[in-house]
PDB file of all heavy atoms in Angstrom:
ATOM      1  N   PRO A   1      75.508  15.653  19.411  1.00  0.00           N
ATOM      2  CA  PRO A   1      75.755  15.784  20.854  1.00  0.00           C
ATOM      3  C   PRO A   1      77.142  16.371  21.127  1.00  0.00           C
ATOM      4  O   PRO A   1      78.116  16.047  20.437  1.00  0.00           O
ATOM      5  CB  PRO A   1      75.667  14.336  21.354  1.00  0.00           C
ATOM      6  CG  PRO A   1      74.856  13.626  20.313  1.00  0.00           C
ATOM      7  CD  PRO A   1      75.190  14.284  19.023  1.00  0.00           C
ATOM      8  N   SER A   2      77.209  17.226  22.110  1.00  0.00           N
ATOM      9  CA  SER A   2      78.463  17.944  22.389  1.00  0.00           C
ATOM     10  C   SER A   2      79.584  17.001  22.807  1.00  0.00           C
ATOM     11  O   SER A   2      80.757  17.269  22.563  1.00  0.00           O
ATOM     12  CB  SER A   2      78.227  18.986  23.489  1.00  0.00           C
ATOM     13  OG  SER A   2      77.707  18.360  24.655  1.00  0.00           O
ATOM     14  N   GLU A   3      79.224  15.886  23.428  1.00  0.00           N
ATOM     15  CA  GLU A   3      80.256  14.957  23.890  1.00  0.00           C
ATOM     16  C   GLU A   3      80.639  13.938  22.811  1.00  0.00           C
ATOM     17  O   GLU A   3      81.500  13.089  23.024  1.00  0.00           O
ATOM     18  CB  GLU A   3      79.782  14.213  25.150  1.00  0.00           C
ATOM     19  CG  GLU A   3      78.683  13.172  24.914  1.00  0.00           C
ATOM     20  CD  GLU A   3      77.286  13.774  24.812  1.00  0.00           C
ATOM     21  OE1 GLU A   3      77.172  15.034  24.789  1.00  0.00           O
ATOM     22  OE2 GLU A   3      76.314  12.997  24.752  1.00  0.00           O
ATOM     23  N   GLY A   4      80.027  14.039  21.657  1.00  0.00           N
ATOM     24  CA  GLY A   4      80.255  13.047  20.612  1.00  0.00           C
ATOM     25  C   GLY A   4      81.578  13.235  19.903  1.00  0.00           C
ATOM     26  O   GLY A   4      82.206  14.299  19.958  1.00  0.00           O
ATOM     27  N   SER A   5      81.998  12.171  19.222  1.00  0.00           N
ATOM     28  CA  SER A   5      83.212  12.214  18.411  1.00  0.00           C
ATOM     29  C   SER A   5      82.887  11.665  17.036  1.00  0.00           C
ATOM     30  O   SER A   5      81.905  10.926  16.863  1.00  0.00           O
ATOM     31  CB  SER A   5      84.323  11.389  19.067  1.00  0.00           C
ATOM     32  OG  SER A   5      83.902  10.044  19.231  1.00  0.00           O
ATOM     33  N   PRO A   6      83.696  12.002  16.028  1.00  0.00           N
ATOM     34  CA  PRO A   6      83.407  11.515  14.671  1.00  0.00           C
ATOM     35  C   PRO A   6      83.323   9.993  14.632  1.00  0.00           C
ATOM     36  O   PRO A   6      84.169   9.294  15.191  1.00  0.00           O
ATOM     37  CB  PRO A   6      84.604  12.038  13.866  1.00  0.00           C
ATOM     38  CG  PRO A   6      85.052  13.252  14.606  1.00  0.00           C
ATOM     39  CD  PRO A   6      84.840  12.928  16.053  1.00  0.00           C
ATOM     40  N   THR A   7      82.275   9.523  13.984  1.00  0.00           N
ATOM     41  CA  THR A   7      81.987   8.088  13.925  1.00  0.00           C
ATOM     42  C   THR A   7      81.821   7.681  12.472  1.00  0.00           C
ATOM     43  O   THR A   7      81.201   8.400  11.688  1.00  0.00           O
ATOM     44  CB  THR A   7      80.687   7.777  14.700  1.00  0.00           C
ATOM     45  OG1 THR A   7      80.826   8.249  16.040  1.00  0.00           O
ATOM     46  CG2 THR A   7      80.398   6.287  14.714  1.00  0.00           C
ATOM     47  N   VAL A   8      82.346   6.515  12.130  1.00  0.00           N
ATOM     48  CA  VAL A   8      82.214   6.074  10.744  1.00  0.00           C
ATOM     49  C   VAL A   8      80.761   5.733  10.454  1.00  0.00           C
ATOM     50  O   VAL A   8      79.976   5.377  11.340  1.00  0.00           O
ATOM     51  CB  VAL A   8      83.121   4.860  10.441  1.00  0.00           C
ATOM     52  CG1 VAL A   8      84.584   5.266  10.507  1.00  0.00           C
ATOM     53  CG2 VAL A   8      82.821   3.690  11.364  1.00  0.00           C
ATOM     54  N   MET A   9      80.422   5.819   9.196  1.00  0.00           N
ATOM     55  CA  MET A   9      79.041   5.690   8.757  1.00  0.00           C
ATOM     56  C   MET A   9      78.452   4.316   9.107  1.00  0.00           C
ATOM     57  O   MET A   9      77.300   4.208   9.550  1.00  0.00           O
ATOM     58  CB  MET A   9      78.995   5.917   7.246  1.00  0.00           C
ATOM     59  CG  MET A   9      77.645   6.249   6.686  1.00  0.00           C
ATOM     60  SD  MET A   9      77.870   6.901   5.001  1.00  0.00           S
ATOM     61  CE  MET A   9      76.177   6.850   4.417  1.00  0.00           C
ATOM     62  N   VAL A  10      79.248   3.268   8.947  1.00  0.00           N
ATOM     63  CA  VAL A  10      78.728   1.929   9.200  1.00  0.00           C
ATOM     64  C   VAL A  10      78.352   1.765  10.666  1.00  0.00           C
ATOM     65  O   VAL A  10      77.364   1.087  10.997  1.00  0.00           O
ATOM     66  CB  VAL A  10      79.729   0.850   8.747  1.00  0.00           C
ATOM     67  CG1 VAL A  10      80.949   0.783   9.660  1.00  0.00           C
ATOM     68  CG2 VAL A  10      79.056  -0.509   8.648  1.00  0.00           C
ATOM     69  N   ASP A  11      79.093   2.405  11.571  1.00  0.00           N
ATOM     70  CA  ASP A  11      78.762   2.293  12.989  1.00  0.00           C
ATOM     71  C   ASP A  11      77.524   3.103  13.352  1.00  0.00           C
ATOM     72  O   ASP A  11      76.754   2.716  14.237  1.00  0.00           O
ATOM     73  CB  ASP A  11      79.946   2.739  13.841  1.00  0.00           C
ATOM     74  CG  ASP A  11      81.044   1.682  13.908  1.00  0.00           C
ATOM     75  OD1 ASP A  11      80.790   0.547  13.481  1.00  0.00           O
ATOM     76  OD2 ASP A  11      82.149   2.003  14.374  1.00  0.00           O
ATOM     77  N   CYS A  12      77.321   4.224  12.681  1.00  0.00           N
ATOM     78  CA  CYS A  12      76.090   4.988  12.913  1.00  0.00           C
ATOM     79  C   CYS A  12      74.862   4.147  12.579  1.00  0.00           C
ATOM     80  O   CYS A  12      73.857   4.161  13.310  1.00  0.00           O
ATOM     81  CB  CYS A  12      76.100   6.267  12.076  1.00  0.00           C
ATOM     82  SG  CYS A  12      77.242   7.536  12.660  1.00  0.00           S
ATOM     83  N   ALA A  13      74.934   3.410  11.481  1.00  0.00           N
ATOM     84  CA  ALA A  13      73.822   2.540  11.091  1.00  0.00           C
ATOM     85  C   ALA A  13      73.668   1.386  12.073  1.00  0.00           C
ATOM     86  O   ALA A  13      72.550   1.045  12.496  1.00  0.00           O
ATOM     87  CB  ALA A  13      74.046   2.014   9.684  1.00  0.00           C
ATOM     88  N   LEU A  14      74.788   0.767  12.439  1.00  0.00           N
ATOM     89  CA  LEU A  14      74.757  -0.353  13.381  1.00  0.00           C
ATOM     90  C   LEU A  14      74.139   0.068  14.705  1.00  0.00           C
ATOM     91  O   LEU A  14      73.273  -0.628  15.258  1.00  0.00           O
ATOM     92  CB  LEU A  14      76.186  -0.855  13.601  1.00  0.00           C
ATOM     93  CG  LEU A  14      76.377  -1.920  14.680  1.00  0.00           C
ATOM     94  CD1 LEU A  14      75.678  -3.214  14.300  1.00  0.00           C
ATOM     95  CD2 LEU A  14      77.867  -2.171  14.922  1.00  0.00           C
ATOM     96  N   HIS A  15      74.541   1.223  15.198  1.00  0.00           N
ATOM     97  CA  HIS A  15      74.016   1.681  16.488  1.00  0.00           C
ATOM     98  C   HIS A  15      72.540   2.049  16.392  1.00  0.00           C
ATOM     99  O   HIS A  15      71.785   1.869  17.358  1.00  0.00           O
ATOM    100  CB  HIS A  15      74.833   2.876  16.986  1.00  0.00           C
ATOM    101  CG  HIS A  15      76.276   2.547  17.213  1.00  0.00           C
ATOM    102  ND1 HIS A  15      77.274   3.498  17.210  1.00  0.00           N
ATOM    103  CD2 HIS A  15      76.903   1.350  17.423  1.00  0.00           C
ATOM    104  CE1 HIS A  15      78.438   2.916  17.427  1.00  0.00           C
ATOM    105  NE2 HIS A  15      78.239   1.613  17.550  1.00  0.00           N
ATOM    106  N   ALA A  16      72.116   2.551  15.227  1.00  0.00           N
ATOM    107  CA  ALA A  16      70.693   2.858  15.044  1.00  0.00           C
ATOM    108  C   ALA A  16      69.856   1.592  15.182  1.00  0.00           C
ATOM    109  O   ALA A  16      68.826   1.575  15.880  1.00  0.00           O
ATOM    110  CB  ALA A  16      70.465   3.492  13.678  1.00  0.00           C
ATOM    111  N   VAL A  17      70.292   0.523  14.518  1.00  0.00           N
ATOM    112  CA  VAL A  17      69.544  -0.738  14.598  1.00  0.00           C
ATOM    113  C   VAL A  17      69.580  -1.289  16.022  1.00  0.00           C
ATOM    114  O   VAL A  17      68.565  -1.766  16.551  1.00  0.00           O
ATOM    115  CB  VAL A  17      70.108  -1.760  13.588  1.00  0.00           C
ATOM    116  CG1 VAL A  17      69.415  -3.107  13.742  1.00  0.00           C
ATOM    117  CG2 VAL A  17      69.947  -1.246  12.159  1.00  0.00           C
ATOM    118  N   GLU A  18      70.745  -1.222  16.655  1.00  0.00           N
ATOM    119  CA  GLU A  18      70.859  -1.726  18.021  1.00  0.00           C
ATOM    120  C   GLU A  18      69.922  -0.973  18.969  1.00  0.00           C
ATOM    121  O   GLU A  18      69.233  -1.588  19.796  1.00  0.00           O
ATOM    122  CB  GLU A  18      72.305  -1.595  18.501  1.00  0.00           C
ATOM    123  CG  GLU A  18      72.530  -2.122  19.908  1.00  0.00           C
ATOM    124  CD  GLU A  18      73.983  -2.042  20.347  1.00  0.00           C
ATOM    125  OE1 GLU A  18      74.856  -1.802  19.487  1.00  0.00           O
ATOM    126  OE2 GLU A  18      74.236  -2.211  21.554  1.00  0.00           O
ATOM    127  N   GLU A  19      69.880   0.337  18.859  1.00  0.00           N
ATOM    128  CA  GLU A  19      68.993   1.124  19.722  1.00  0.00           C
ATOM    129  C   GLU A  19      67.532   0.775  19.476  1.00  0.00           C
ATOM    130  O   GLU A  19      66.730   0.676  20.421  1.00  0.00           O
ATOM    131  CB  GLU A  19      69.234   2.611  19.475  1.00  0.00           C
ATOM    132  CG  GLU A  19      70.578   3.106  19.996  1.00  0.00           C
ATOM    133  CD  GLU A  19      71.001   4.456  19.426  1.00  0.00           C
ATOM    134  OE1 GLU A  19      70.212   5.050  18.647  1.00  0.00           O
ATOM    135  OE2 GLU A  19      72.109   4.916  19.743  1.00  0.00           O
ATOM    136  N   LEU A  20      67.172   0.560  18.225  1.00  0.00           N
ATOM    137  CA  LEU A  20      65.791   0.202  17.904  1.00  0.00           C
ATOM    138  C   LEU A  20      65.440  -1.175  18.454  1.00  0.00           C
ATOM    139  O   LEU A  20      64.340  -1.385  18.978  1.00  0.00           O
ATOM    140  CB  LEU A  20      65.578   0.248  16.389  1.00  0.00           C
ATOM    141  CG  LEU A  20      65.539   1.648  15.786  1.00  0.00           C
ATOM    142  CD1 LEU A  20      65.713   1.595  14.272  1.00  0.00           C
ATOM    143  CD2 LEU A  20      64.234   2.353  16.137  1.00  0.00           C
ATOM    144  N   MET A  21      66.366  -2.116  18.351  1.00  0.00           N
ATOM    145  CA  MET A  21      66.086  -3.463  18.840  1.00  0.00           C
ATOM    146  C   MET A  21      65.969  -3.481  20.361  1.00  0.00           C
ATOM    147  O   MET A  21      65.176  -4.258  20.918  1.00  0.00           O
ATOM    148  CB  MET A  21      67.164  -4.426  18.361  1.00  0.00           C
ATOM    149  CG  MET A  21      67.138  -4.647  16.849  1.00  0.00           C
ATOM    150  SD  MET A  21      68.270  -5.931  16.270  1.00  0.00           S
ATOM    151  CE  MET A  21      67.374  -7.398  16.793  1.00  0.00           C
ATOM    152  N   LYS A  22      66.726  -2.636  21.035  1.00  0.00           N
ATOM    153  CA  LYS A  22      66.601  -2.557  22.494  1.00  0.00           C
ATOM    154  C   LYS A  22      65.217  -2.064  22.905  1.00  0.00           C
ATOM    155  O   LYS A  22      64.647  -2.524  23.898  1.00  0.00           O
ATOM    156  CB  LYS A  22      67.663  -1.605  23.048  1.00  0.00           C
ATOM    157  CG  LYS A  22      69.060  -2.192  23.128  1.00  0.00           C
ATOM    158  CD  LYS A  22      70.042  -1.172  23.685  1.00  0.00           C
ATOM    159  CE  LYS A  22      71.451  -1.745  23.774  1.00  0.00           C
ATOM    160  NZ  LYS A  22      72.439  -0.734  24.247  1.00  0.00           N
ATOM    161  N   GLU A  23      64.687  -1.146  22.135  1.00  0.00           N
ATOM    162  CA  GLU A  23      63.425  -0.503  22.501  1.00  0.00           C
ATOM    163  C   GLU A  23      62.202  -1.238  21.977  1.00  0.00           C
ATOM    164  O   GLU A  23      61.126  -1.174  22.587  1.00  0.00           O
ATOM    165  CB  GLU A  23      63.426   0.933  21.956  1.00  0.00           C
ATOM    166  CG  GLU A  23      62.255   1.772  22.420  1.00  0.00           C
ATOM    167  CD  GLU A  23      62.338   3.208  21.936  1.00  0.00           C
ATOM    168  OE1 GLU A  23      63.388   3.600  21.378  1.00  0.00           O
ATOM    169  OE2 GLU A  23      61.348   3.942  22.109  1.00  0.00           O
ATOM    170  N   HIS A  24      62.364  -1.963  20.871  1.00  0.00           N
ATOM    171  CA  HIS A  24      61.201  -2.550  20.194  1.00  0.00           C
ATOM    172  C   HIS A  24      61.402  -4.053  19.990  1.00  0.00           C
ATOM    173  O   HIS A  24      62.130  -4.469  19.087  1.00  0.00           O
ATOM    174  CB  HIS A  24      60.986  -1.869  18.840  1.00  0.00           C
ATOM    175  CG  HIS A  24      60.779  -0.389  18.920  1.00  0.00           C
ATOM    176  ND1 HIS A  24      59.580   0.176  19.290  1.00  0.00           N
ATOM    177  CD2 HIS A  24      61.623   0.652  18.692  1.00  0.00           C
ATOM    178  CE1 HIS A  24      59.688   1.493  19.280  1.00  0.00           C
ATOM    179  NE2 HIS A  24      60.918   1.804  18.922  1.00  0.00           N
ATOM    180  N   PRO A  25      60.751  -4.879  20.798  1.00  0.00           N
ATOM    181  CA  PRO A  25      60.928  -6.333  20.650  1.00  0.00           C
ATOM    182  C   PRO A  25      60.397  -6.883  19.335  1.00  0.00           C
ATOM    183  O   PRO A  25      60.762  -7.987  18.939  1.00  0.00           O
ATOM    184  CB  PRO A  25      60.143  -6.904  21.842  1.00  0.00           C
ATOM    185  CG  PRO A  25      59.190  -5.823  22.240  1.00  0.00           C
ATOM    186  CD  PRO A  25      59.881  -4.532  21.930  1.00  0.00           C
ATOM    187  N   GLU A  26      59.550  -6.114  18.656  1.00  0.00           N
ATOM    188  CA  GLU A  26      59.044  -6.570  17.352  1.00  0.00           C
ATOM    189  C   GLU A  26      60.037  -6.307  16.225  1.00  0.00           C
ATOM    190  O   GLU A  26      59.800  -6.683  15.068  1.00  0.00           O
ATOM    191  CB  GLU A  26      57.708  -5.892  17.039  1.00  0.00           C
ATOM    192  CG  GLU A  26      57.772  -4.397  16.773  1.00  0.00           C
ATOM    193  CD  GLU A  26      57.748  -3.537  18.014  1.00  0.00           C
ATOM    194  OE1 GLU A  26      57.912  -4.084  19.131  1.00  0.00           O
ATOM    195  OE2 GLU A  26      57.573  -2.310  17.888  1.00  0.00           O
ATOM    196  N   CYS A  27      61.173  -5.700  16.538  1.00  0.00           N
ATOM    197  CA  CYS A  27      62.202  -5.386  15.542  1.00  0.00           C
ATOM    198  C   CYS A  27      63.177  -6.550  15.435  1.00  0.00           C
ATOM    199  O   CYS A  27      63.668  -7.065  16.452  1.00  0.00           O
ATOM    200  CB  CYS A  27      62.934  -4.114  15.951  1.00  0.00           C
ATOM    201  SG  CYS A  27      64.279  -3.632  14.851  1.00  0.00           S
ATOM    202  N   LEU A  28      63.477  -6.983  14.223  1.00  0.00           N
ATOM    203  CA  LEU A  28      64.415  -8.077  13.994  1.00  0.00           C
ATOM    204  C   LEU A  28      65.195  -7.810  12.712  1.00  0.00           C
ATOM    205  O   LEU A  28      64.837  -6.926  11.925  1.00  0.00           O
ATOM    206  CB  LEU A  28      63.695  -9.422  13.913  1.00  0.00           C
ATOM    207  CG  LEU A  28      62.775  -9.699  12.710  1.00  0.00           C
ATOM    208  CD1 LEU A  28      62.607 -11.195  12.514  1.00  0.00           C
ATOM    209  CD2 LEU A  28      61.403  -9.048  12.886  1.00  0.00           C
ATOM    210  N   LEU A  29      66.265  -8.590  12.530  1.00  0.00           N
ATOM    211  CA  LEU A  29      67.143  -8.408  11.379  1.00  0.00           C
ATOM    212  C   LEU A  29      67.503  -9.771  10.818  1.00  0.00           C
ATOM    213  O   LEU A  29      67.904 -10.673  11.575  1.00  0.00           O
ATOM    214  CB  LEU A  29      68.416  -7.661  11.799  1.00  0.00           C
ATOM    215  CG  LEU A  29      69.568  -7.600  10.781  1.00  0.00           C
ATOM    216  CD1 LEU A  29      69.196  -6.744   9.583  1.00  0.00           C
ATOM    217  CD2 LEU A  29      70.842  -7.067  11.438  1.00  0.00           C
ATOM    218  N   TYR A  30      67.373  -9.924   9.494  1.00  0.00           N
ATOM    219  CA  TYR A  30      67.839 -11.164   8.876  1.00  0.00           C
ATOM    220  C   TYR A  30      68.282 -10.921   7.446  1.00  0.00           C
ATOM    221  O   TYR A  30      67.939  -9.920   6.822  1.00  0.00           O
ATOM    222  CB  TYR A  30      66.780 -12.262   8.948  1.00  0.00           C
ATOM    223  CG  TYR A  30      65.424 -11.975   8.337  1.00  0.00           C
ATOM    224  CD1 TYR A  30      65.115 -12.373   7.035  1.00  0.00           C
ATOM    225  CD2 TYR A  30      64.418 -11.354   9.084  1.00  0.00           C
ATOM    226  CE1 TYR A  30      63.862 -12.142   6.487  1.00  0.00           C
ATOM    227  CE2 TYR A  30      63.163 -11.123   8.540  1.00  0.00           C
ATOM    228  CZ  TYR A  30      62.884 -11.521   7.241  1.00  0.00           C
ATOM    229  OH  TYR A  30      61.641 -11.290   6.705  1.00  0.00           O
ATOM    230  N   GLY A  31      69.076 -11.848   6.959  1.00  0.00           N
ATOM    231  CA  GLY A  31      69.652 -11.760   5.620  1.00  0.00           C
ATOM    232  C   GLY A  31      70.842 -12.694   5.532  1.00  0.00           C
ATOM    233  O   GLY A  31      71.109 -13.496   6.437  1.00  0.00           O
ATOM    234  N   GLN A  32      71.600 -12.595   4.451  1.00  0.00           N
ATOM    235  CA  GLN A  32      72.745 -13.479   4.262  1.00  0.00           C
ATOM    236  C   GLN A  32      73.923 -13.012   5.115  1.00  0.00           C
ATOM    237  O   GLN A  32      74.339 -11.859   5.030  1.00  0.00           O
ATOM    238  CB  GLN A  32      73.145 -13.495   2.790  1.00  0.00           C
ATOM    239  CG  GLN A  32      72.088 -14.087   1.868  1.00  0.00           C
ATOM    240  CD  GLN A  32      72.369 -13.789   0.404  1.00  0.00           C
ATOM    241  OE1 GLN A  32      73.501 -13.640   0.001  1.00  0.00           O
ATOM    242  NE2 GLN A  32      71.304 -13.697  -0.391  1.00  0.00           N
ATOM    243  N   ASP A  33      74.433 -13.908   5.950  1.00  0.00           N
ATOM    244  CA  ASP A  33      75.670 -13.686   6.715  1.00  0.00           C
ATOM    245  C   ASP A  33      75.576 -12.573   7.755  1.00  0.00           C
ATOM    246  O   ASP A  33      76.607 -12.051   8.193  1.00  0.00           O
ATOM    247  CB  ASP A  33      76.844 -13.398   5.765  1.00  0.00           C
ATOM    248  CG  ASP A  33      77.151 -14.579   4.858  1.00  0.00           C
ATOM    249  OD1 ASP A  33      77.355 -15.693   5.378  1.00  0.00           O
ATOM    250  OD2 ASP A  33      77.159 -14.401   3.625  1.00  0.00           O
ATOM    251  N   VAL A  34      74.371 -12.207   8.173  1.00  0.00           N
ATOM    252  CA  VAL A  34      74.256 -11.164   9.202  1.00  0.00           C
ATOM    253  C   VAL A  34      74.270 -11.761  10.610  1.00  0.00           C
ATOM    254  O   VAL A  34      74.276 -11.025  11.597  1.00  0.00           O
ATOM    255  CB  VAL A  34      72.973 -10.317   9.020  1.00  0.00           C
ATOM    256  CG1 VAL A  34      72.959  -9.655   7.664  1.00  0.00           C
ATOM    257  CG2 VAL A  34      71.711 -11.154   9.238  1.00  0.00           C
ATOM    258  N   GLY A  35      74.275 -13.090  10.701  1.00  0.00           N
ATOM    259  CA  GLY A  35      74.201 -13.750  11.997  1.00  0.00           C
ATOM    260  C   GLY A  35      75.485 -13.653  12.796  1.00  0.00           C
ATOM    261  O   GLY A  35      76.432 -12.942  12.444  1.00  0.00           O
ATOM    262  N   ALA A  36      75.535 -14.433  13.863  1.00  0.00           N
ATOM    263  CA  ALA A  36      76.568 -14.262  14.880  1.00  0.00           C
ATOM    264  C   ALA A  36      77.979 -14.493  14.364  1.00  0.00           C
ATOM    265  O   ALA A  36      78.919 -13.834  14.809  1.00  0.00           O
ATOM    266  CB  ALA A  36      76.279 -15.197  16.056  1.00  0.00           C
ATOM    267  N   ARG A  37      78.169 -15.421  13.435  1.00  0.00           N
ATOM    268  CA  ARG A  37      79.531 -15.746  13.017  1.00  0.00           C
ATOM    269  C   ARG A  37      80.234 -14.573  12.345  1.00  0.00           C
ATOM    270  O   ARG A  37      81.430 -14.367  12.527  1.00  0.00           O
ATOM    271  CB  ARG A  37      79.516 -16.935  12.056  1.00  0.00           C
ATOM    272  CG  ARG A  37      79.176 -18.261  12.703  1.00  0.00           C
ATOM    273  CD  ARG A  37      79.448 -19.419  11.755  1.00  0.00           C
ATOM    274  NE  ARG A  37      78.924 -20.661  12.293  1.00  0.00           N
ATOM    275  CZ  ARG A  37      77.691 -21.112  12.062  1.00  0.00           C
ATOM    276  NH1 ARG A  37      76.866 -20.414  11.300  1.00  0.00           N
ATOM    277  NH2 ARG A  37      77.278 -22.236  12.593  1.00  0.00           N
TER     278      ARG A  37
END
């Protein structure tokens, strides 16, 4: 996107999951230490 700025790789992945979870209620994430803390 023309308005975009360089983004670190970990944030690109994080935002991908966030966008998917917003759109798809059947999408979830679990594993060790991924929770709120």
